[in-house]
């Protein structure tokens, strides 16, 4: 559960996020203090690099979190929310690493990194 409004999400096209999600990873970055994880014993954490871990549901395998350990915020997968989120995608990041099988045509800003 997130307290407060969700910040606009981004779409990350880096190779790790594409492997994590099966396509690009759309997530919103919220302050850790605003997040309450109910059923935390069902979250499995994978240390994908020295600086980041990724959270999965141990029951169904869903990708849930992108967690830059040393920061005061955590990325939550947009697909983890039930019901309306009242937000819209704001930017695409790491588009230099995107898959070759799709184009980005929504007119949103695109950062190469």
N, C-alpha and C. Protein backbone atom coordinates (compact mmCIF):
# COMPACT_ATOMS: atom_id res chain seq x y z
N UNK A 1 0.84 -1.16 0.00
CA UNK A 1 0.00 0.00 0.00
C UNK A 1 0.90 1.24 0.00
N UNK A 2 0.51 2.23 -0.80
CA UNK A 2 1.25 3.48 -0.88
C UNK A 2 0.40 4.60 -0.29
N UNK A 3 1.00 5.36 0.61
CA UNK A 3 0.33 6.52 1.18
C UNK A 3 0.60 7.72 0.29
N UNK A 4 -0.46 8.43 -0.10
CA UNK A 4 -0.31 9.61 -0.94
C UNK A 4 -0.45 9.28 -2.41
N UNK A 5 -0.30 10.31 -3.22
CA UNK A 5 -0.42 10.15 -4.67
C UNK A 5 0.80 9.45 -5.25
N UNK A 6 0.58 8.72 -6.32
CA UNK A 6 1.69 8.06 -7.01
C UNK A 6 2.38 9.06 -7.93
N UNK A 7 3.70 9.12 -7.88
CA UNK A 7 4.42 9.95 -8.86
C UNK A 7 4.23 9.34 -10.25
N UNK A 8 4.33 10.16 -11.30
CA UNK A 8 4.21 9.61 -12.66
C UNK A 8 5.27 8.53 -12.90
N UNK A 9 4.87 7.43 -13.49
CA UNK A 9 5.82 6.33 -13.73
C UNK A 9 6.73 6.59 -14.92
N UNK A 10 7.82 5.82 -14.96
CA UNK A 10 8.68 5.80 -16.13
C UNK A 10 8.71 4.40 -16.70
N UNK A 11 9.18 4.31 -17.93
CA UNK A 11 9.33 3.03 -18.61
C UNK A 11 10.81 2.82 -18.86
N UNK A 12 11.40 1.80 -18.21
CA UNK A 12 12.82 1.53 -18.36
C UNK A 12 13.03 0.42 -19.38
N UNK A 13 13.88 0.70 -20.36
CA UNK A 13 14.13 -0.24 -21.46
C UNK A 13 15.51 -0.89 -21.36
N UNK A 14 16.18 -0.79 -20.20
CA UNK A 14 17.51 -1.40 -20.06
C UNK A 14 17.39 -2.92 -20.13
N UNK A 15 18.49 -3.58 -20.40
CA UNK A 15 18.45 -5.04 -20.57
C UNK A 15 18.01 -5.76 -19.30
N UNK A 16 18.42 -5.28 -18.13
CA UNK A 16 18.01 -5.95 -16.89
C UNK A 16 16.51 -5.80 -16.65
N UNK A 17 15.96 -4.62 -16.90
CA UNK A 17 14.51 -4.43 -16.71
C UNK A 17 13.72 -5.24 -17.74
N UNK A 18 14.24 -5.33 -18.95
CA UNK A 18 13.54 -6.13 -19.96
C UNK A 18 13.53 -7.61 -19.56
N UNK A 19 14.62 -8.10 -18.99
CA UNK A 19 14.65 -9.48 -18.52
C UNK A 19 13.75 -9.67 -17.30
N UNK A 20 13.74 -8.68 -16.42
CA UNK A 20 12.92 -8.72 -15.20
C UNK A 20 11.42 -8.75 -15.51
N UNK A 21 11.02 -8.00 -16.54
CA UNK A 21 9.59 -7.86 -16.82
C UNK A 21 9.11 -8.63 -18.05
N UNK A 22 10.02 -8.99 -18.92
CA UNK A 22 9.62 -9.64 -20.17
C UNK A 22 9.41 -8.65 -21.30
N UNK A 23 9.53 -7.36 -21.02
CA UNK A 23 9.41 -6.29 -22.03
C UNK A 23 10.11 -5.09 -21.43
N UNK A 24 9.50 -3.92 -21.35
CA UNK A 24 10.10 -2.84 -20.57
C UNK A 24 9.40 -2.79 -19.22
N UNK A 25 10.04 -2.18 -18.23
CA UNK A 25 9.53 -2.17 -16.86
C UNK A 25 8.95 -0.80 -16.55
N UNK A 26 7.64 -0.72 -16.38
CA UNK A 26 6.97 0.53 -16.01
C UNK A 26 6.80 0.53 -14.50
N UNK A 27 7.35 1.57 -13.87
CA UNK A 27 7.27 1.64 -12.41
C UNK A 27 7.20 3.09 -11.94
N UNK A 28 6.72 3.25 -10.72
CA UNK A 28 6.67 4.54 -10.06
C UNK A 28 7.60 4.51 -8.87
N UNK A 29 8.32 5.58 -8.65
CA UNK A 29 9.29 5.65 -7.56
C UNK A 29 8.66 6.38 -6.38
N UNK A 30 8.51 5.68 -5.27
CA UNK A 30 7.87 6.27 -4.10
C UNK A 30 8.83 6.27 -2.91
N UNK A 31 8.67 7.23 -2.02
CA UNK A 31 9.51 7.23 -0.81
C UNK A 31 9.26 5.94 -0.02
N UNK A 32 10.31 5.38 0.52
CA UNK A 32 10.17 4.14 1.31
C UNK A 32 9.17 4.34 2.45
N UNK A 33 9.18 5.52 3.04
CA UNK A 33 8.28 5.80 4.17
C UNK A 33 6.81 5.77 3.75
N UNK A 34 6.53 5.91 2.45
CA UNK A 34 5.15 5.91 1.96
C UNK A 34 4.66 4.51 1.59
N UNK A 35 5.53 3.52 1.67
CA UNK A 35 5.18 2.15 1.25
C UNK A 35 5.02 1.22 2.44
N UNK A 36 3.91 0.50 2.45
CA UNK A 36 3.68 -0.58 3.39
C UNK A 36 3.49 -1.84 2.58
N UNK A 37 4.33 -2.85 2.82
CA UNK A 37 4.21 -4.13 2.12
C UNK A 37 3.43 -5.08 2.99
N UNK A 38 2.24 -5.42 2.55
CA UNK A 38 1.43 -6.41 3.27
C UNK A 38 1.77 -7.79 2.70
N UNK A 39 1.99 -8.74 3.56
CA UNK A 39 2.37 -10.07 3.09
C UNK A 39 3.82 -10.12 2.64
N UNK A 40 4.66 -9.35 3.31
CA UNK A 40 6.07 -9.27 2.94
C UNK A 40 6.79 -10.60 2.94
N UNK A 41 6.26 -11.57 3.67
CA UNK A 41 6.88 -12.90 3.67
C UNK A 41 6.69 -13.60 2.34
N UNK A 42 5.83 -13.06 1.48
CA UNK A 42 5.61 -13.63 0.14
C UNK A 42 6.46 -12.95 -0.92
N UNK A 43 7.30 -12.01 -0.52
CA UNK A 43 8.18 -11.33 -1.47
C UNK A 43 9.56 -11.97 -1.40
N UNK A 44 10.06 -12.36 -2.57
CA UNK A 44 11.41 -12.90 -2.69
C UNK A 44 12.28 -11.83 -3.34
N UNK A 45 13.45 -11.60 -2.75
CA UNK A 45 14.35 -10.57 -3.25
C UNK A 45 15.52 -11.20 -3.97
N UNK A 46 15.85 -10.65 -5.14
CA UNK A 46 17.00 -11.10 -5.93
C UNK A 46 17.95 -9.93 -6.08
N UNK A 47 19.20 -10.11 -5.70
CA UNK A 47 20.21 -9.06 -5.80
C UNK A 47 20.74 -9.06 -7.23
N UNK A 48 20.22 -8.17 -8.07
CA UNK A 48 20.57 -8.16 -9.49
C UNK A 48 21.88 -7.44 -9.79
N UNK A 49 22.35 -6.66 -8.84
CA UNK A 49 23.65 -6.01 -8.97
C UNK A 49 24.11 -5.60 -7.57
N UNK A 50 25.28 -5.00 -7.48
CA UNK A 50 25.79 -4.57 -6.19
C UNK A 50 24.90 -3.51 -5.55
N UNK A 51 24.22 -2.72 -6.38
CA UNK A 51 23.44 -1.59 -5.89
C UNK A 51 21.93 -1.79 -5.89
N UNK A 52 21.46 -2.85 -6.51
CA UNK A 52 20.02 -3.02 -6.72
C UNK A 52 19.56 -4.44 -6.40
N UNK A 53 18.37 -4.52 -5.84
CA UNK A 53 17.69 -5.81 -5.70
C UNK A 53 16.31 -5.67 -6.33
N UNK A 54 15.75 -6.80 -6.72
CA UNK A 54 14.44 -6.82 -7.36
C UNK A 54 13.53 -7.75 -6.57
N UNK A 55 12.29 -7.33 -6.38
CA UNK A 55 11.35 -8.10 -5.60
C UNK A 55 10.31 -8.79 -6.47
N UNK A 56 10.05 -10.05 -6.15
CA UNK A 56 9.09 -10.88 -6.87
C UNK A 56 8.09 -11.47 -5.88
N UNK A 57 6.90 -11.74 -6.34
CA UNK A 57 5.94 -12.46 -5.52
C UNK A 57 6.35 -13.94 -5.51
N UNK A 58 6.57 -14.49 -4.33
CA UNK A 58 6.99 -15.89 -4.20
C UNK A 58 5.86 -16.85 -4.54
N UNK A 59 4.62 -16.36 -4.53
CA UNK A 59 3.47 -17.21 -4.82
C UNK A 59 3.19 -17.31 -6.31
N UNK A 60 3.15 -16.15 -6.99
CA UNK A 60 2.77 -16.16 -8.41
C UNK A 60 3.90 -15.79 -9.36
N UNK A 61 5.02 -15.28 -8.83
CA UNK A 61 6.17 -14.93 -9.67
C UNK A 61 6.13 -13.54 -10.27
N UNK A 62 5.12 -12.74 -9.95
CA UNK A 62 5.02 -11.40 -10.52
C UNK A 62 6.20 -10.52 -10.10
N UNK A 63 6.67 -9.70 -11.05
CA UNK A 63 7.69 -8.70 -10.76
C UNK A 63 7.03 -7.54 -10.04
N UNK A 64 7.56 -7.17 -8.87
CA UNK A 64 6.91 -6.16 -8.04
C UNK A 64 7.74 -4.91 -7.79
N UNK A 65 9.05 -5.07 -7.52
CA UNK A 65 9.86 -3.95 -7.06
C UNK A 65 11.19 -3.87 -7.77
N UNK A 66 11.67 -2.66 -7.90
CA UNK A 66 13.05 -2.36 -8.29
C UNK A 66 13.59 -1.51 -7.17
N UNK A 67 14.55 -2.03 -6.41
CA UNK A 67 14.97 -1.42 -5.16
C UNK A 67 16.44 -1.01 -5.19
N UNK A 68 16.72 0.29 -5.41
CA UNK A 68 18.10 0.77 -5.31
C UNK A 68 18.45 0.94 -3.83
N UNK A 69 19.11 -0.03 -3.29
CA UNK A 69 19.28 -0.23 -1.85
C UNK A 69 19.71 1.03 -1.08
N UNK A 70 20.59 1.83 -1.63
CA UNK A 70 21.14 2.97 -0.90
C UNK A 70 20.28 4.23 -0.99
N UNK A 71 19.14 4.17 -1.63
CA UNK A 71 18.30 5.35 -1.81
C UNK A 71 17.10 5.33 -0.86
N UNK A 72 16.45 6.47 -0.72
CA UNK A 72 15.30 6.57 0.19
C UNK A 72 13.98 6.35 -0.54
N UNK A 73 14.03 5.76 -1.72
CA UNK A 73 12.83 5.47 -2.50
C UNK A 73 12.94 4.06 -3.09
N UNK A 74 11.82 3.56 -3.58
CA UNK A 74 11.76 2.23 -4.19
C UNK A 74 10.83 2.29 -5.39
N UNK A 75 11.17 1.58 -6.45
CA UNK A 75 10.32 1.51 -7.64
C UNK A 75 9.32 0.39 -7.51
N UNK A 76 8.05 0.72 -7.75
CA UNK A 76 6.98 -0.28 -7.67
C UNK A 76 6.42 -0.49 -9.07
N UNK A 77 6.33 -1.74 -9.50
CA UNK A 77 5.79 -2.06 -10.82
C UNK A 77 4.35 -1.58 -10.94
N UNK A 78 4.04 -0.91 -12.03
CA UNK A 78 2.69 -0.40 -12.23
C UNK A 78 1.67 -1.55 -12.29
N UNK A 79 2.09 -2.70 -12.76
CA UNK A 79 1.20 -3.85 -12.82
C UNK A 79 0.84 -4.42 -11.46
N UNK A 80 1.52 -3.98 -10.41
CA UNK A 80 1.23 -4.47 -9.06
C UNK A 80 0.01 -3.80 -8.44
N UNK A 81 -0.43 -2.69 -9.03
CA UNK A 81 -1.56 -1.96 -8.48
C UNK A 81 -2.88 -2.51 -9.02
N UNK A 82 -3.82 -2.70 -8.14
CA UNK A 82 -5.16 -3.09 -8.55
C UNK A 82 -6.00 -1.82 -8.64
N UNK A 83 -6.78 -1.70 -9.67
CA UNK A 83 -7.63 -0.53 -9.81
C UNK A 83 -6.88 0.64 -10.43
N UNK A 84 -7.57 1.75 -10.58
CA UNK A 84 -6.96 2.93 -11.21
C UNK A 84 -5.80 3.50 -10.39
N UNK A 85 -4.79 4.00 -11.08
CA UNK A 85 -3.65 4.62 -10.42
C UNK A 85 -3.67 6.15 -10.52
N UNK A 86 -4.55 6.68 -11.35
CA UNK A 86 -4.67 8.13 -11.55
C UNK A 86 -3.35 8.79 -11.92
N UNK A 87 -2.57 8.13 -12.75
CA UNK A 87 -1.31 8.68 -13.23
C UNK A 87 -1.09 8.24 -14.67
N UNK A 88 -0.11 8.82 -15.30
CA UNK A 88 0.25 8.48 -16.68
C UNK A 88 1.76 8.40 -16.80
N UNK A 89 2.22 7.55 -17.69
CA UNK A 89 3.64 7.42 -17.98
C UNK A 89 4.20 8.79 -18.36
N UNK A 90 5.41 9.12 -17.82
CA UNK A 90 5.98 10.45 -18.08
C UNK A 90 7.21 10.43 -18.97
N UNK A 91 7.97 9.31 -19.01
CA UNK A 91 9.24 9.29 -19.74
C UNK A 91 9.67 7.85 -20.01
N UNK A 92 10.47 7.67 -21.05
CA UNK A 92 11.13 6.40 -21.35
C UNK A 92 12.61 6.60 -21.05
N UNK A 93 13.22 5.63 -20.35
CA UNK A 93 14.64 5.72 -20.03
C UNK A 93 15.38 4.51 -20.56
N UNK A 94 16.67 4.67 -20.76
CA UNK A 94 17.55 3.63 -21.31
C UNK A 94 17.05 3.11 -22.66
N UNK A 95 16.56 4.03 -23.48
CA UNK A 95 16.04 3.61 -24.79
C UNK A 95 17.15 3.14 -25.72
N UNK A 96 18.39 3.49 -25.43
CA UNK A 96 19.51 2.99 -26.25
C UNK A 96 19.63 1.48 -26.14
N UNK A 97 19.05 0.89 -25.09
CA UNK A 97 19.12 -0.55 -24.86
C UNK A 97 17.82 -1.28 -25.16
N UNK A 98 16.85 -0.59 -25.71
CA UNK A 98 15.54 -1.21 -25.93
C UNK A 98 15.63 -2.36 -26.93
N UNK A 99 14.64 -3.24 -26.87
CA UNK A 99 14.58 -4.35 -27.81
C UNK A 99 14.38 -3.85 -29.23
N UNK A 100 14.85 -4.62 -30.19
CA UNK A 100 14.71 -4.23 -31.59
C UNK A 100 13.36 -4.59 -32.19
N UNK A 101 12.50 -5.21 -31.43
CA UNK A 101 11.22 -5.71 -31.94
C UNK A 101 10.06 -4.74 -31.74
N UNK A 102 10.33 -3.55 -31.21
CA UNK A 102 9.25 -2.58 -31.02
C UNK A 102 9.77 -1.16 -31.19
N UNK A 103 8.85 -0.25 -31.46
CA UNK A 103 9.14 1.17 -31.56
C UNK A 103 8.42 1.88 -30.43
N UNK A 104 8.93 3.03 -30.05
CA UNK A 104 8.29 3.87 -29.04
C UNK A 104 7.66 5.03 -29.81
N UNK A 105 6.34 5.08 -29.83
CA UNK A 105 5.67 6.09 -30.64
C UNK A 105 4.64 6.90 -29.89
N UNK A 106 4.80 7.02 -28.57
CA UNK A 106 3.77 7.72 -27.79
C UNK A 106 4.05 9.20 -27.61
N UNK A 107 5.18 9.69 -28.14
CA UNK A 107 5.50 11.11 -28.06
C UNK A 107 6.09 11.58 -26.74
N UNK A 108 6.29 10.67 -25.80
CA UNK A 108 6.87 11.05 -24.50
C UNK A 108 8.38 11.23 -24.65
N UNK A 109 9.00 11.99 -23.73
CA UNK A 109 10.46 12.14 -23.77
C UNK A 109 11.16 10.79 -23.69
N UNK A 110 12.30 10.70 -24.37
CA UNK A 110 13.10 9.48 -24.38
C UNK A 110 14.54 9.81 -24.03
N UNK A 111 15.01 9.27 -22.91
CA UNK A 111 16.42 9.42 -22.51
C UNK A 111 17.19 8.20 -22.97
N UNK A 112 18.34 8.44 -23.57
CA UNK A 112 19.17 7.33 -24.02
C UNK A 112 19.67 6.49 -22.84
N UNK A 113 19.92 7.15 -21.71
CA UNK A 113 20.38 6.45 -20.51
C UNK A 113 19.34 6.55 -19.43
